[in-house]
């Protein structure tokens, strides 16, 4: 039996995909998609905590751009 797409899940996906976190959603979806291809283990509690911490750091502006990193590395 083929499973249909849950309407609530699809609605949430569409809402996030149209908002400011659309890029993050795409990265997360890619990570989940390719994880199954490589038969990786699910994310641990520590992984989820690190993701949350990273998102909070980005919101606080604690990041460097690729251009800034390349400049700092002399590339």
N, C-alpha and C. Protein backbone atom coordinates (compact mmCIF):
# COMPACT_ATOMS: atom_id res chain seq x y z
N UNK A 1 0.85 -1.17 0.00
CA UNK A 1 0.00 0.00 0.00
C UNK A 1 0.90 1.24 0.00
N UNK A 2 0.62 2.17 -0.87
CA UNK A 2 1.38 3.41 -0.98
C UNK A 2 0.85 4.44 0.01
N UNK A 3 1.78 5.07 0.74
CA UNK A 3 1.38 6.09 1.71
C UNK A 3 1.27 7.43 1.02
N UNK A 4 0.22 8.14 1.33
CA UNK A 4 0.05 9.49 0.82
C UNK A 4 0.80 10.48 1.69
N UNK A 5 0.92 11.70 1.21
CA UNK A 5 1.58 12.74 1.97
C UNK A 5 0.60 13.31 2.99
N UNK A 6 1.01 13.36 4.23
CA UNK A 6 0.19 13.91 5.30
C UNK A 6 -0.07 15.39 5.00
N UNK A 7 -1.33 15.80 4.96
CA UNK A 7 -1.69 17.17 4.60
C UNK A 7 -1.14 18.19 5.60
N UNK A 8 -1.15 17.85 6.88
CA UNK A 8 -0.62 18.76 7.89
C UNK A 8 0.88 18.94 7.69
N UNK A 9 1.59 17.85 7.46
CA UNK A 9 3.03 17.91 7.23
C UNK A 9 3.34 18.73 5.97
N UNK A 10 2.60 18.48 4.92
CA UNK A 10 2.81 19.22 3.67
C UNK A 10 2.54 20.71 3.87
N UNK A 11 1.51 21.05 4.62
CA UNK A 11 1.20 22.46 4.90
C UNK A 11 2.33 23.14 5.66
N UNK A 12 2.86 22.43 6.65
CA UNK A 12 3.98 22.99 7.42
C UNK A 12 5.21 23.15 6.54
N UNK A 13 5.47 22.15 5.71
CA UNK A 13 6.62 22.21 4.80
C UNK A 13 6.50 23.42 3.87
N UNK A 14 5.35 23.61 3.30
CA UNK A 14 5.14 24.74 2.39
C UNK A 14 5.33 26.07 3.12
N UNK A 15 4.81 26.17 4.35
CA UNK A 15 4.93 27.42 5.10
C UNK A 15 6.39 27.74 5.39
N UNK A 16 7.15 26.75 5.83
CA UNK A 16 8.57 26.98 6.12
C UNK A 16 9.33 27.26 4.83
N UNK A 17 8.99 26.54 3.77
CA UNK A 17 9.68 26.71 2.49
C UNK A 17 9.50 28.11 1.91
N UNK A 18 8.45 28.81 2.32
CA UNK A 18 8.20 30.16 1.82
C UNK A 18 8.67 31.24 2.79
N UNK A 19 9.24 30.82 3.91
CA UNK A 19 9.66 31.77 4.93
C UNK A 19 11.17 31.99 4.96
N UNK A 20 11.63 32.67 6.00
CA UNK A 20 13.05 33.02 6.10
C UNK A 20 13.97 31.81 6.33
N UNK A 21 13.42 30.67 6.74
CA UNK A 21 14.23 29.48 6.99
C UNK A 21 14.20 28.49 5.83
N UNK A 22 13.82 28.95 4.65
CA UNK A 22 13.70 28.06 3.50
C UNK A 22 15.03 27.38 3.17
N UNK A 23 16.14 28.12 3.23
CA UNK A 23 17.44 27.53 2.93
C UNK A 23 17.81 26.45 3.94
N UNK A 24 17.51 26.72 5.20
CA UNK A 24 17.78 25.74 6.25
C UNK A 24 16.95 24.48 6.03
N UNK A 25 15.69 24.66 5.65
CA UNK A 25 14.82 23.51 5.38
C UNK A 25 15.40 22.68 4.24
N UNK A 26 15.85 23.34 3.18
CA UNK A 26 16.42 22.61 2.04
C UNK A 26 17.66 21.83 2.46
N UNK A 27 18.54 22.45 3.26
CA UNK A 27 19.75 21.77 3.72
C UNK A 27 19.39 20.55 4.58
N UNK A 28 18.41 20.75 5.46
CA UNK A 28 18.00 19.66 6.34
C UNK A 28 17.37 18.53 5.53
N UNK A 29 16.54 18.87 4.57
CA UNK A 29 15.91 17.86 3.73
C UNK A 29 16.96 17.10 2.93
N UNK A 30 17.93 17.81 2.37
CA UNK A 30 19.02 17.15 1.64
C UNK A 30 19.77 16.20 2.56
N UNK A 31 20.05 16.66 3.79
CA UNK A 31 20.77 15.83 4.74
C UNK A 31 19.99 14.54 5.03
N UNK A 32 18.70 14.66 5.25
CA UNK A 32 17.88 13.49 5.52
C UNK A 32 17.82 12.56 4.30
N UNK A 33 17.67 13.14 3.14
CA UNK A 33 17.56 12.36 1.91
C UNK A 33 18.83 11.55 1.67
N UNK A 34 19.98 12.22 1.73
CA UNK A 34 21.23 11.54 1.45
C UNK A 34 21.66 10.62 2.59
N UNK A 35 21.19 10.88 3.80
CA UNK A 35 21.50 10.00 4.93
C UNK A 35 20.96 8.60 4.65
N UNK A 36 19.78 8.52 4.10
CA UNK A 36 19.19 7.22 3.83
C UNK A 36 19.92 6.50 2.71
N UNK A 37 20.46 7.23 1.76
CA UNK A 37 21.22 6.60 0.69
C UNK A 37 22.50 5.98 1.23
N UNK A 38 23.07 6.58 2.25
CA UNK A 38 24.34 6.11 2.79
C UNK A 38 24.15 5.22 4.02
N UNK A 39 22.91 4.98 4.41
CA UNK A 39 22.58 4.13 5.55
C UNK A 39 23.23 4.62 6.84
N UNK A 40 23.19 5.92 7.04
CA UNK A 40 23.74 6.50 8.26
C UNK A 40 22.75 6.35 9.40
N UNK A 41 23.29 6.48 10.60
CA UNK A 41 22.44 6.41 11.79
C UNK A 41 21.67 7.70 11.95
N UNK A 42 20.53 7.66 12.64
CA UNK A 42 19.76 8.89 12.88
C UNK A 42 20.58 9.88 13.71
N UNK A 43 20.16 11.12 13.67
CA UNK A 43 20.84 12.15 14.45
C UNK A 43 20.66 11.88 15.94
N UNK A 44 21.75 12.06 16.68
CA UNK A 44 21.71 11.85 18.13
C UNK A 44 21.19 13.11 18.82
N UNK A 45 20.95 13.00 20.11
CA UNK A 45 20.52 14.16 20.90
C UNK A 45 21.60 15.24 20.84
N UNK A 46 22.86 14.81 20.84
CA UNK A 46 23.96 15.77 20.76
C UNK A 46 23.97 16.48 19.41
N UNK A 47 23.66 15.74 18.33
CA UNK A 47 23.59 16.35 17.00
C UNK A 47 22.51 17.43 16.97
N UNK A 48 21.33 17.09 17.51
CA UNK A 48 20.23 18.05 17.52
C UNK A 48 20.59 19.29 18.35
N UNK A 49 21.28 19.08 19.47
CA UNK A 49 21.70 20.21 20.31
C UNK A 49 22.68 21.10 19.56
N UNK A 50 23.60 20.48 18.82
CA UNK A 50 24.58 21.26 18.04
C UNK A 50 23.89 22.04 16.93
N UNK A 51 22.91 21.45 16.29
CA UNK A 51 22.15 22.15 15.24
C UNK A 51 21.43 23.35 15.85
N UNK A 52 20.77 23.14 16.99
CA UNK A 52 20.05 24.22 17.65
C UNK A 52 21.01 25.34 18.05
N UNK A 53 22.17 24.97 18.61
CA UNK A 53 23.16 25.95 19.01
C UNK A 53 23.66 26.75 17.81
N UNK A 54 23.89 26.06 16.70
CA UNK A 54 24.34 26.73 15.49
C UNK A 54 23.31 27.72 14.96
N UNK A 55 22.05 27.32 14.96
CA UNK A 55 20.99 28.22 14.50
C UNK A 55 20.91 29.46 15.37
N UNK A 56 21.05 29.27 16.68
CA UNK A 56 20.99 30.41 17.59
C UNK A 56 22.19 31.34 17.38
N UNK A 57 23.36 30.77 17.12
CA UNK A 57 24.55 31.58 16.85
C UNK A 57 24.38 32.40 15.58
N UNK A 58 23.80 31.79 14.57
CA UNK A 58 23.55 32.50 13.30
C UNK A 58 22.60 33.67 13.54
N UNK A 59 21.54 33.43 14.32
CA UNK A 59 20.59 34.50 14.62
C UNK A 59 21.26 35.66 15.36
N UNK A 60 22.28 35.35 16.16
CA UNK A 60 23.00 36.40 16.89
C UNK A 60 24.07 37.05 16.01
N UNK A 61 24.22 36.57 14.79
CA UNK A 61 25.20 37.14 13.87
C UNK A 61 26.60 36.59 14.07
N UNK A 62 26.70 35.47 14.75
CA UNK A 62 28.00 34.87 15.03
C UNK A 62 28.38 33.88 13.93
N UNK A 63 28.83 34.41 12.82
CA UNK A 63 29.26 33.58 11.70
C UNK A 63 30.18 34.41 10.82
N UNK A 64 30.88 33.73 9.93
CA UNK A 64 31.70 34.43 8.92
C UNK A 64 31.24 33.95 7.56
N UNK A 65 31.35 34.83 6.58
CA UNK A 65 30.99 34.44 5.22
C UNK A 65 32.14 33.65 4.61
N UNK A 66 31.85 32.97 3.53
CA UNK A 66 32.89 32.24 2.82
C UNK A 66 33.99 33.20 2.37
N UNK A 67 33.60 34.36 1.90
CA UNK A 67 34.57 35.35 1.45
C UNK A 67 35.49 35.79 2.59
N UNK A 68 34.91 36.00 3.79
CA UNK A 68 35.72 36.39 4.95
C UNK A 68 36.69 35.28 5.34
N UNK A 69 36.23 34.05 5.31
CA UNK A 69 37.09 32.93 5.65
C UNK A 69 38.24 32.79 4.66
N UNK A 70 37.91 32.89 3.37
CA UNK A 70 38.95 32.79 2.36
C UNK A 70 39.99 33.89 2.53
N UNK A 71 39.53 35.10 2.85
CA UNK A 71 40.45 36.22 3.07
C UNK A 71 41.35 35.93 4.27
N UNK A 72 40.75 35.45 5.37
CA UNK A 72 41.52 35.14 6.55
C UNK A 72 42.54 34.04 6.31
N UNK A 73 42.21 33.11 5.43
CA UNK A 73 43.12 32.01 5.12
C UNK A 73 44.10 32.34 4.01
N UNK A 74 43.95 33.54 3.44
CA UNK A 74 44.84 33.95 2.37
C UNK A 74 44.59 33.25 1.05
N UNK A 75 43.37 32.86 0.83
CA UNK A 75 43.01 32.15 -0.42
C UNK A 75 42.48 33.09 -1.48
